[in-house]
Protein backbone atom coordinates (compact mmCIF):
# COMPACT_ATOMS: atom_id res chain seq x y z
CA MET A 1 0.00 0.00 0.00
CA LYS A 2 2.82 2.38 0.85
CA LYS A 3 4.47 1.74 -2.50
CA LYS A 4 1.35 2.89 -4.41
CA GLU A 5 1.08 6.11 -2.37
CA GLU A 6 4.73 6.90 -3.09
CA GLU A 7 4.18 6.32 -6.82
CA VAL A 8 1.24 8.74 -6.83
CA LYS A 9 3.31 11.41 -5.09
CA GLU A 10 6.12 11.01 -7.58
CA ARG A 11 3.86 11.28 -10.61
CA GLY A 12 2.08 14.41 -9.44
CA LYS A 13 -1.52 15.43 -9.98
CA ALA A 14 -3.81 13.41 -12.18
CA GLY A 15 -5.71 15.00 -15.05
CA ARG A 16 -4.88 17.73 -17.51
CA PRO A 17 -2.56 20.54 -16.48
CA GLU A 18 -3.84 24.06 -15.87
CA LEU A 19 -4.49 26.17 -18.95
CA LYS A 20 -1.99 29.02 -18.78
CA LEU A 21 -2.71 31.88 -21.15
CA THR A 22 -0.29 34.56 -22.30
CA GLU A 23 -0.90 38.22 -21.44
CA GLU A 24 -2.26 38.82 -24.94
CA GLN A 25 -4.64 35.87 -24.63
CA LEU A 26 -5.83 37.05 -21.21
CA GLU A 27 -6.47 40.51 -22.67
CA LEU A 28 -8.43 39.00 -25.56
CA LEU A 29 -10.46 36.84 -23.16
CA THR A 30 -11.29 39.92 -21.07
CA LYS A 31 -12.36 41.89 -24.16
CA LEU A 32 -14.51 39.04 -25.44
CA ALA A 33 -16.20 38.73 -22.05
CA SER A 34 -16.76 42.51 -21.85
CA ILE A 35 -18.79 42.44 -25.08
CA GLN A 36 -20.85 39.59 -23.58
CA CYS A 37 -19.62 36.76 -25.82
CA SER A 38 -20.83 33.35 -24.74
CA PRO A 39 -18.25 30.87 -23.44
CA LYS A 40 -18.69 28.84 -26.64
CA GLU A 41 -17.90 31.90 -28.76
CA MET A 42 -14.85 32.70 -26.62
CA GLY A 43 -13.59 29.14 -26.95
CA PHE A 44 -14.12 29.13 -30.71
CA ILE A 45 -12.29 32.44 -31.21
CA MET A 46 -9.41 31.51 -28.91
CA GLY A 47 -9.08 27.92 -30.11
CA TYR A 48 -9.86 26.20 -26.80
CA ASP A 49 -12.75 24.15 -25.57
CA PHE A 50 -15.10 26.54 -23.76
CA ARG A 51 -15.30 24.26 -20.72
CA THR A 52 -11.53 24.50 -20.31
CA LEU A 53 -11.66 28.30 -20.46
CA VAL A 54 -14.47 28.42 -17.91
CA LYS A 55 -12.75 25.91 -15.62
CA TRP A 56 -9.43 27.75 -15.45
CA HIS A 57 -10.40 31.38 -16.10
CA SER A 58 -13.97 31.88 -14.90
CA ASP A 59 -12.86 34.75 -12.65
CA ILE A 60 -11.48 36.68 -15.63
CA ILE A 61 -14.61 35.94 -17.67
CA GLU A 62 -16.92 37.13 -14.87
CA GLN A 63 -14.88 40.29 -14.32
CA GLY A 64 -14.88 41.04 -18.07
CA LYS A 65 -18.65 40.58 -18.30
CA ALA A 66 -19.20 42.83 -15.28
CA ASN A 67 -16.95 45.53 -16.76
CA GLY A 68 -18.88 45.38 -20.04
CA LYS A 69 -22.21 45.80 -18.26
CA LEU A 70 -20.80 48.68 -16.23
CA ALA A 71 -19.64 50.45 -19.40
CA LEU A 72 -23.08 49.97 -20.97
CA ARG A 73 -24.86 51.35 -17.89
CA ARG A 74 -22.52 54.33 -17.82
CA LYS A 75 -23.24 55.08 -21.49
CA GLN A 76 -27.00 54.64 -20.99
CA MET A 77 -26.98 57.13 -18.13
CA GLU A 78 -24.85 59.54 -20.14
CA VAL A 79 -27.22 59.41 -23.13
CA ALA A 80 -30.34 59.57 -20.93
CA MET A 81 -29.06 62.54 -18.95
CA SER A 82 -28.20 64.37 -22.16
CA GLY A 83 -31.96 64.50 -22.74
CA ASN A 84 -32.82 61.39 -24.75
CA PRO A 85 -36.55 60.97 -23.90
CA THR A 86 -36.82 57.39 -25.17
CA LEU A 87 -33.97 56.20 -22.99
CA LEU A 88 -35.24 58.21 -20.01
CA ILE A 89 -38.65 56.51 -20.30
CA TRP A 90 -37.11 53.06 -20.76
CA LEU A 91 -34.81 53.47 -17.75
CA GLY A 92 -37.69 54.82 -15.66
CA LYS A 93 -39.84 51.81 -16.48
CA ASN A 94 -37.12 49.23 -15.97
CA TRP A 95 -35.12 50.65 -13.09
CA LEU A 96 -37.76 52.69 -11.24
CA ASN A 97 -40.82 50.47 -11.94
CA GLN A 98 -42.69 53.36 -13.52
CA THR A 99 -45.64 52.64 -15.81
CA ASP A 100 -47.44 54.43 -18.65
CA VAL A 101 -50.84 54.04 -16.98
CA PRO A 102 -50.85 55.05 -13.34
CA LEU A 103 -53.28 53.06 -11.18
CA SER A 104 -55.83 55.07 -9.30
CA GLU A 105 -57.11 53.95 -5.94
CA SER A 106 -60.50 53.02 -7.41
CA ASP A 107 -58.83 50.75 -10.02
CA ALA A 108 -57.30 48.61 -7.28
CA LYS A 109 -60.65 47.82 -5.57
CA ILE A 110 -62.26 44.40 -5.94
CA LEU A 111 -65.51 44.38 -7.88
CA PRO A 112 -68.62 43.54 -5.82
CA TRP A 113 -69.99 40.01 -6.10
CA ASN A 114 -73.69 39.44 -6.38
CA ASP A 115 -75.27 35.99 -6.54
CA ASP A 116 -78.78 37.42 -6.96
CA VAL A 117 -79.09 37.24 -10.69
CA GLY A 118 -82.53 38.11 -11.97
CA ILE A 119 -83.49 36.32 -15.12
């Protein structure tokens, strides 16, 4: 039993080695994630299986996606605050739960129920 344990220690870890990307590849991965590419698209463009990219570099992918969303939000706010009425309305509806048709108090009441139907 001891001999087998020693053999395992000598050979090292089982499975495929970690995917180490160059600085240029890491930059490309970050850019692809920031424009919201899917993992499959990233893998296809970079020449790796997407599962391998996600396994070894999910933190970079998540950070890139978050940075892309942040840039989009920033631009949306910039355009909206410059006076774009369409974007102001859209942001109001989606972020502030505003509606086109305000509900009045009478609209929210339950209709009366009457079982006495005269035929």
